N, C-alpha and C. Protein backbone atom coordinates (compact mmCIF):
# COMPACT_ATOMS: atom_id res chain seq x y z
N MET A 1 -38.95 16.21 9.26
CA MET A 1 -37.77 17.03 9.20
C MET A 1 -36.51 16.17 9.17
N ASN A 2 -36.25 15.54 8.07
CA ASN A 2 -35.10 14.68 7.89
C ASN A 2 -33.78 15.46 8.03
N PHE A 3 -33.78 16.71 7.60
CA PHE A 3 -32.56 17.54 7.68
C PHE A 3 -32.05 17.62 9.10
N PHE A 4 -32.92 17.93 10.04
CA PHE A 4 -32.50 18.09 11.43
C PHE A 4 -32.01 16.77 12.03
N LYS A 5 -32.65 15.68 11.64
CA LYS A 5 -32.22 14.38 12.12
C LYS A 5 -30.82 14.06 11.58
N GLU A 6 -30.62 14.33 10.30
CA GLU A 6 -29.34 14.03 9.68
C GLU A 6 -28.21 14.91 10.24
N ILE A 7 -28.45 16.18 10.38
CA ILE A 7 -27.40 17.08 10.87
C ILE A 7 -27.07 16.79 12.34
N SER A 8 -28.08 16.42 13.10
CA SER A 8 -27.83 16.14 14.52
C SER A 8 -27.03 14.85 14.71
N SER A 9 -27.03 13.97 13.71
CA SER A 9 -26.28 12.72 13.84
C SER A 9 -25.00 12.73 13.00
N ASN A 10 -24.60 13.88 12.48
CA ASN A 10 -23.40 13.98 11.66
C ASN A 10 -22.17 14.15 12.55
N ASP A 11 -21.47 13.04 12.80
CA ASP A 11 -20.35 13.07 13.73
C ASP A 11 -19.18 13.90 13.21
N ILE A 12 -18.97 13.96 11.91
CA ILE A 12 -17.88 14.78 11.37
C ILE A 12 -18.17 16.25 11.66
N PHE A 13 -19.40 16.67 11.43
CA PHE A 13 -19.76 18.06 11.69
C PHE A 13 -19.59 18.41 13.17
N TRP A 14 -20.16 17.61 14.05
CA TRP A 14 -20.14 17.94 15.47
C TRP A 14 -18.75 17.80 16.09
N THR A 15 -17.96 16.86 15.62
CA THR A 15 -16.60 16.75 16.12
C THR A 15 -15.78 17.95 15.66
N SER A 16 -15.99 18.42 14.44
CA SER A 16 -15.31 19.62 13.95
C SER A 16 -15.72 20.85 14.75
N VAL A 17 -17.00 20.95 15.08
CA VAL A 17 -17.46 22.06 15.93
C VAL A 17 -16.78 21.97 17.30
N PHE A 18 -16.67 20.76 17.84
CA PHE A 18 -15.98 20.58 19.12
C PHE A 18 -14.52 21.02 19.03
N ALA A 19 -13.83 20.67 17.94
CA ALA A 19 -12.44 21.08 17.75
C ALA A 19 -12.32 22.60 17.73
N CYS A 20 -13.24 23.26 17.07
CA CYS A 20 -13.27 24.73 17.01
C CYS A 20 -13.51 25.30 18.41
N PHE A 21 -14.48 24.74 19.11
CA PHE A 21 -14.79 25.20 20.47
C PHE A 21 -13.61 24.99 21.41
N LEU A 22 -12.96 23.84 21.33
CA LEU A 22 -11.82 23.56 22.19
C LEU A 22 -10.68 24.55 21.94
N ALA A 23 -10.43 24.88 20.67
CA ALA A 23 -9.40 25.87 20.35
C ALA A 23 -9.75 27.22 20.97
N GLN A 24 -11.03 27.60 20.90
CA GLN A 24 -11.45 28.87 21.52
C GLN A 24 -11.23 28.84 23.03
N VAL A 25 -11.55 27.73 23.67
CA VAL A 25 -11.35 27.60 25.12
C VAL A 25 -9.87 27.69 25.47
N LEU A 26 -9.03 27.06 24.67
CA LEU A 26 -7.58 27.10 24.94
C LEU A 26 -7.02 28.52 24.85
N LYS A 27 -7.66 29.39 24.08
CA LYS A 27 -7.20 30.78 23.97
C LYS A 27 -7.26 31.51 25.30
N ILE A 28 -8.12 31.06 26.19
CA ILE A 28 -8.24 31.68 27.52
C ILE A 28 -6.89 31.67 28.22
N PHE A 29 -6.09 30.65 27.96
CA PHE A 29 -4.83 30.44 28.68
C PHE A 29 -3.60 30.84 27.88
N THR A 30 -3.76 31.35 26.66
CA THR A 30 -2.59 31.61 25.82
C THR A 30 -2.39 33.08 25.46
N GLY A 31 -3.11 33.97 26.07
CA GLY A 31 -2.95 35.39 25.78
C GLY A 31 -1.85 36.02 26.61
N GLU A 32 -1.74 37.33 26.54
CA GLU A 32 -0.73 38.06 27.31
C GLU A 32 -0.99 37.95 28.81
N LYS A 33 -2.26 38.00 29.19
CA LYS A 33 -2.61 37.77 30.59
C LYS A 33 -2.55 36.28 30.85
N LYS A 34 -2.35 35.89 32.09
CA LYS A 34 -2.30 34.46 32.42
C LYS A 34 -3.60 33.76 32.03
N VAL A 35 -4.73 34.29 32.49
CA VAL A 35 -6.04 33.74 32.15
C VAL A 35 -6.95 34.90 31.79
N ASP A 36 -7.59 34.81 30.63
CA ASP A 36 -8.47 35.88 30.16
C ASP A 36 -9.72 35.26 29.53
N ILE A 37 -10.79 35.18 30.32
CA ILE A 37 -12.04 34.54 29.87
C ILE A 37 -12.59 35.20 28.60
N ALA A 38 -12.41 36.50 28.44
CA ALA A 38 -12.94 37.21 27.27
C ALA A 38 -12.34 36.70 25.97
N ARG A 39 -11.18 36.08 26.00
CA ARG A 39 -10.52 35.59 24.78
C ARG A 39 -11.33 34.48 24.10
N ILE A 40 -12.24 33.85 24.83
CA ILE A 40 -13.05 32.78 24.21
C ILE A 40 -13.96 33.35 23.12
N PHE A 41 -14.24 34.64 23.18
CA PHE A 41 -15.16 35.27 22.22
C PHE A 41 -14.45 36.08 21.15
N THR A 42 -13.11 36.03 21.09
CA THR A 42 -12.39 36.86 20.13
C THR A 42 -11.82 36.02 19.00
N SER A 43 -11.57 36.70 17.88
CA SER A 43 -10.87 36.04 16.78
C SER A 43 -9.38 36.30 16.94
N GLY A 44 -8.58 35.51 16.28
CA GLY A 44 -7.14 35.62 16.43
C GLY A 44 -6.68 34.91 17.69
N GLY A 45 -5.39 34.76 17.85
CA GLY A 45 -4.84 34.15 19.04
C GLY A 45 -4.50 32.68 18.83
N MET A 46 -3.90 32.11 19.86
CA MET A 46 -3.36 30.74 19.83
C MET A 46 -4.28 29.79 20.56
N PRO A 47 -4.66 28.67 19.98
CA PRO A 47 -4.47 28.24 18.61
C PRO A 47 -5.58 28.76 17.71
N SER A 48 -5.41 28.65 16.44
CA SER A 48 -6.42 29.09 15.48
C SER A 48 -7.61 28.13 15.48
N SER A 49 -8.76 28.64 15.87
CA SER A 49 -9.95 27.78 15.87
C SER A 49 -10.42 27.52 14.43
N HIS A 50 -10.14 28.46 13.51
CA HIS A 50 -10.47 28.22 12.10
C HIS A 50 -9.71 27.00 11.59
N SER A 51 -8.42 26.96 11.87
CA SER A 51 -7.58 25.85 11.41
C SER A 51 -8.00 24.54 12.07
N SER A 52 -8.28 24.60 13.35
CA SER A 52 -8.70 23.41 14.07
C SER A 52 -10.00 22.85 13.48
N PHE A 53 -10.93 23.73 13.20
CA PHE A 53 -12.23 23.35 12.65
C PHE A 53 -12.09 22.63 11.31
N VAL A 54 -11.37 23.26 10.37
CA VAL A 54 -11.33 22.69 9.03
C VAL A 54 -10.39 21.49 8.92
N THR A 55 -9.31 21.45 9.70
CA THR A 55 -8.43 20.29 9.61
C THR A 55 -9.04 19.07 10.29
N CYS A 56 -9.83 19.29 11.33
CA CYS A 56 -10.55 18.18 11.95
C CYS A 56 -11.53 17.59 10.93
N MET A 57 -12.26 18.46 10.24
CA MET A 57 -13.21 18.01 9.23
C MET A 57 -12.49 17.23 8.13
N ALA A 58 -11.41 17.78 7.60
CA ALA A 58 -10.69 17.13 6.51
C ALA A 58 -10.10 15.79 6.96
N THR A 59 -9.56 15.76 8.17
CA THR A 59 -8.98 14.52 8.68
C THR A 59 -10.03 13.43 8.81
N MET A 60 -11.17 13.77 9.39
CA MET A 60 -12.22 12.76 9.56
C MET A 60 -12.79 12.30 8.21
N ILE A 61 -12.90 13.22 7.26
CA ILE A 61 -13.37 12.83 5.92
C ILE A 61 -12.34 11.90 5.27
N GLY A 62 -11.05 12.22 5.43
CA GLY A 62 -10.01 11.36 4.88
C GLY A 62 -10.03 9.97 5.48
N ILE A 63 -10.21 9.90 6.80
CA ILE A 63 -10.26 8.60 7.47
C ILE A 63 -11.47 7.79 7.01
N ARG A 64 -12.61 8.45 6.90
CA ARG A 64 -13.85 7.74 6.54
C ARG A 64 -13.94 7.38 5.06
N HIS A 65 -13.56 8.31 4.19
CA HIS A 65 -13.78 8.11 2.75
C HIS A 65 -12.49 7.83 1.97
N GLY A 66 -11.35 7.93 2.65
CA GLY A 66 -10.07 7.71 1.99
C GLY A 66 -9.40 9.03 1.65
N PHE A 67 -8.10 9.05 1.81
CA PHE A 67 -7.36 10.27 1.53
C PHE A 67 -7.16 10.50 0.03
N ASN A 68 -7.59 9.56 -0.78
CA ASN A 68 -7.56 9.75 -2.23
C ASN A 68 -8.96 10.03 -2.79
N SER A 69 -9.94 10.26 -1.92
CA SER A 69 -11.31 10.49 -2.37
C SER A 69 -11.54 11.94 -2.78
N THR A 70 -12.56 12.13 -3.58
CA THR A 70 -12.97 13.47 -3.98
C THR A 70 -13.41 14.28 -2.75
N TYR A 71 -14.07 13.63 -1.81
CA TYR A 71 -14.53 14.31 -0.59
C TYR A 71 -13.35 14.91 0.18
N PHE A 72 -12.29 14.09 0.35
CA PHE A 72 -11.12 14.60 1.06
C PHE A 72 -10.46 15.73 0.28
N ALA A 73 -10.37 15.59 -1.04
CA ALA A 73 -9.76 16.65 -1.86
C ALA A 73 -10.50 17.97 -1.67
N MET A 74 -11.83 17.93 -1.68
CA MET A 74 -12.61 19.16 -1.48
C MET A 74 -12.38 19.73 -0.09
N ALA A 75 -12.37 18.87 0.92
CA ALA A 75 -12.15 19.32 2.29
C ALA A 75 -10.75 19.90 2.46
N ALA A 76 -9.75 19.28 1.84
CA ALA A 76 -8.37 19.77 1.96
C ALA A 76 -8.21 21.12 1.28
N VAL A 77 -8.81 21.29 0.11
CA VAL A 77 -8.74 22.58 -0.59
C VAL A 77 -9.44 23.66 0.23
N LEU A 78 -10.62 23.37 0.75
CA LEU A 78 -11.33 24.32 1.60
C LEU A 78 -10.49 24.67 2.83
N SER A 79 -9.87 23.67 3.43
CA SER A 79 -9.03 23.90 4.61
C SER A 79 -7.87 24.82 4.27
N ALA A 80 -7.22 24.58 3.15
CA ALA A 80 -6.09 25.42 2.74
C ALA A 80 -6.52 26.87 2.54
N ILE A 81 -7.67 27.08 1.94
CA ILE A 81 -8.17 28.44 1.72
C ILE A 81 -8.46 29.12 3.06
N VAL A 82 -9.13 28.42 3.95
CA VAL A 82 -9.46 28.99 5.26
C VAL A 82 -8.20 29.33 6.04
N MET A 83 -7.22 28.42 6.03
CA MET A 83 -5.98 28.67 6.79
C MET A 83 -5.15 29.78 6.16
N TYR A 84 -5.15 29.87 4.84
CA TYR A 84 -4.45 30.97 4.17
C TYR A 84 -5.09 32.30 4.57
N ASP A 85 -6.41 32.33 4.53
CA ASP A 85 -7.13 33.54 4.91
C ASP A 85 -6.85 33.91 6.36
N ALA A 86 -6.87 32.91 7.24
CA ALA A 86 -6.65 33.17 8.67
C ALA A 86 -5.25 33.72 8.93
N SER A 87 -4.26 33.22 8.20
CA SER A 87 -2.88 33.64 8.48
C SER A 87 -2.44 34.81 7.62
N GLY A 88 -2.93 34.92 6.43
CA GLY A 88 -2.45 35.95 5.52
C GLY A 88 -3.31 37.20 5.53
N VAL A 89 -4.48 37.08 4.95
CA VAL A 89 -5.34 38.24 4.77
C VAL A 89 -5.75 38.86 6.10
N ARG A 90 -6.21 38.03 7.03
CA ARG A 90 -6.68 38.56 8.31
C ARG A 90 -5.53 39.11 9.14
N GLN A 91 -4.32 38.54 9.00
CA GLN A 91 -3.16 39.08 9.71
C GLN A 91 -2.82 40.47 9.17
N ALA A 92 -2.92 40.63 7.85
CA ALA A 92 -2.65 41.94 7.24
C ALA A 92 -3.65 42.98 7.72
N VAL A 93 -4.91 42.60 7.84
CA VAL A 93 -5.93 43.52 8.35
C VAL A 93 -5.60 43.93 9.78
N GLY A 94 -5.11 43.00 10.58
CA GLY A 94 -4.70 43.32 11.95
C GLY A 94 -3.56 44.32 11.98
N LYS A 95 -2.60 44.17 11.08
CA LYS A 95 -1.49 45.13 11.01
C LYS A 95 -1.98 46.50 10.59
N GLN A 96 -2.94 46.54 9.68
CA GLN A 96 -3.52 47.81 9.27
C GLN A 96 -4.23 48.49 10.43
N ALA A 97 -4.93 47.71 11.23
CA ALA A 97 -5.61 48.27 12.40
C ALA A 97 -4.59 48.88 13.36
N THR A 98 -3.46 48.22 13.54
CA THR A 98 -2.42 48.74 14.42
C THR A 98 -1.91 50.09 13.89
N MET A 99 -1.69 50.15 12.58
CA MET A 99 -1.20 51.39 11.99
C MET A 99 -2.23 52.51 12.10
N LEU A 100 -3.48 52.19 11.84
CA LEU A 100 -4.54 53.21 11.95
C LEU A 100 -4.67 53.72 13.39
N ASN A 101 -4.54 52.84 14.35
CA ASN A 101 -4.60 53.26 15.74
C ASN A 101 -3.44 54.19 16.08
N GLN A 102 -2.27 53.93 15.51
CA GLN A 102 -1.13 54.82 15.75
C GLN A 102 -1.37 56.19 15.13
N ILE A 103 -1.96 56.21 13.95
CA ILE A 103 -2.30 57.49 13.29
C ILE A 103 -3.30 58.27 14.15
N ILE A 104 -4.29 57.56 14.67
CA ILE A 104 -5.29 58.22 15.52
C ILE A 104 -4.62 58.82 16.75
N GLU A 105 -3.73 58.07 17.37
CA GLU A 105 -3.03 58.60 18.56
C GLU A 105 -2.21 59.83 18.20
N ASP A 106 -1.54 59.80 17.06
CA ASP A 106 -0.74 60.95 16.63
C ASP A 106 -1.61 62.16 16.35
N LEU A 107 -2.74 61.93 15.69
CA LEU A 107 -3.64 63.04 15.39
C LEU A 107 -4.28 63.61 16.66
N GLN A 108 -4.48 62.76 17.64
CA GLN A 108 -5.11 63.22 18.88
C GLN A 108 -4.24 64.24 19.62
N LYS A 109 -3.00 64.22 19.38
CA LYS A 109 -2.12 65.18 20.04
C LYS A 109 -2.40 66.60 19.58
N GLY A 110 -2.93 66.75 18.36
CA GLY A 110 -3.20 68.10 17.85
C GLY A 110 -4.65 68.38 17.55
N LEU A 111 -5.40 67.37 17.22
CA LEU A 111 -6.79 67.57 16.81
C LEU A 111 -7.72 66.66 17.61
N PRO A 112 -8.91 67.19 17.95
CA PRO A 112 -9.86 66.31 18.63
C PRO A 112 -10.53 65.37 17.61
N ILE A 113 -10.34 64.08 17.81
CA ILE A 113 -10.99 63.09 16.96
C ILE A 113 -11.56 61.98 17.83
N LYS A 114 -12.38 61.16 17.22
CA LYS A 114 -13.02 60.07 17.96
C LYS A 114 -11.96 59.17 18.58
N ASN A 115 -12.20 58.75 19.80
CA ASN A 115 -11.22 58.01 20.58
C ASN A 115 -11.42 56.50 20.51
N GLU A 116 -11.96 56.01 19.41
CA GLU A 116 -12.26 54.58 19.28
C GLU A 116 -11.13 53.87 18.54
N LYS A 117 -10.62 52.80 19.15
CA LYS A 117 -9.56 52.02 18.51
C LYS A 117 -10.17 50.88 17.71
N LEU A 118 -9.50 50.53 16.62
CA LEU A 118 -9.92 49.38 15.83
C LEU A 118 -9.42 48.10 16.50
N LYS A 119 -10.08 47.02 16.24
CA LYS A 119 -9.66 45.73 16.76
C LYS A 119 -8.37 45.33 16.05
N GLU A 120 -7.34 45.04 16.82
CA GLU A 120 -6.04 44.73 16.23
C GLU A 120 -5.79 43.23 16.11
N LEU A 121 -6.37 42.42 16.96
CA LEU A 121 -6.13 40.99 16.93
C LEU A 121 -7.20 40.32 16.08
N ILE A 122 -6.98 40.34 14.78
CA ILE A 122 -7.98 39.81 13.85
C ILE A 122 -7.49 38.53 13.22
N GLY A 123 -6.27 38.52 12.73
CA GLY A 123 -5.73 37.36 12.03
C GLY A 123 -4.84 36.52 12.91
N HIS A 124 -4.25 35.52 12.31
CA HIS A 124 -3.39 34.58 13.01
C HIS A 124 -1.98 34.62 12.43
N THR A 125 -1.03 34.34 13.25
CA THR A 125 0.33 34.12 12.77
C THR A 125 0.39 32.71 12.18
N PRO A 126 1.37 32.44 11.33
CA PRO A 126 1.49 31.07 10.82
C PRO A 126 1.63 30.03 11.94
N LYS A 127 2.29 30.38 13.04
CA LYS A 127 2.43 29.46 14.18
C LYS A 127 1.06 29.13 14.78
N GLN A 128 0.21 30.13 14.92
CA GLN A 128 -1.13 29.90 15.47
C GLN A 128 -1.95 29.01 14.55
N VAL A 129 -1.84 29.23 13.24
CA VAL A 129 -2.55 28.41 12.27
C VAL A 129 -2.03 26.97 12.33
N PHE A 130 -0.71 26.81 12.42
CA PHE A 130 -0.11 25.48 12.48
C PHE A 130 -0.63 24.70 13.69
N PHE A 131 -0.60 25.33 14.88
CA PHE A 131 -1.03 24.62 16.07
C PHE A 131 -2.54 24.36 16.07
N GLY A 132 -3.32 25.26 15.48
CA GLY A 132 -4.75 25.00 15.32
C GLY A 132 -4.98 23.81 14.40
N ALA A 133 -4.19 23.72 13.33
CA ALA A 133 -4.31 22.60 12.41
C ALA A 133 -3.93 21.28 13.08
N ILE A 134 -2.86 21.30 13.86
CA ILE A 134 -2.44 20.09 14.58
C ILE A 134 -3.53 19.64 15.56
N LEU A 135 -4.12 20.61 16.28
CA LEU A 135 -5.20 20.28 17.21
C LEU A 135 -6.36 19.63 16.47
N GLY A 136 -6.75 20.19 15.32
CA GLY A 136 -7.85 19.63 14.55
C GLY A 136 -7.56 18.23 14.05
N ILE A 137 -6.34 18.01 13.59
CA ILE A 137 -5.95 16.68 13.11
C ILE A 137 -6.00 15.66 14.25
N ILE A 138 -5.46 16.04 15.39
CA ILE A 138 -5.46 15.13 16.55
C ILE A 138 -6.89 14.77 16.95
N ILE A 139 -7.76 15.77 17.04
CA ILE A 139 -9.15 15.50 17.44
C ILE A 139 -9.83 14.63 16.39
N GLY A 140 -9.58 14.91 15.10
CA GLY A 140 -10.17 14.10 14.03
C GLY A 140 -9.73 12.65 14.09
N VAL A 141 -8.45 12.41 14.40
CA VAL A 141 -7.93 11.05 14.49
C VAL A 141 -8.48 10.34 15.72
N VAL A 142 -8.47 11.04 16.86
CA VAL A 142 -8.91 10.43 18.12
C VAL A 142 -10.39 10.10 18.10
N MET A 143 -11.20 10.97 17.55
CA MET A 143 -12.64 10.76 17.58
C MET A 143 -13.05 9.78 16.49
């Protein structure tokens, strides 16, 4: 099983996973409540673990293979797509969830409907994406 041996020794992969995990852990301390353990399992919030994950990967690839390499170019493009999605598309979905929840509350005043709210914290603000990216770059450089 060469695959398992190779993946288990891939420091870029595991350091990127660590950067993602660390960003999730930091979310415990950055929500509206002072400390909220449940935030480690949610999407959205400060810092963006998506951004941390992909920028750590791109940084380490750039350091190892050169910032003018094809490998870095692919990693940078992938990172840009992931961060755009995290800040743009997913943020818009979060705003839609907020609006739908308001509609449900308004309808509940006159009609009996299901009392389930949609998840509102889905995407990231540009600030959250930025700080997630900075965290990933720092971890990629340090490791």
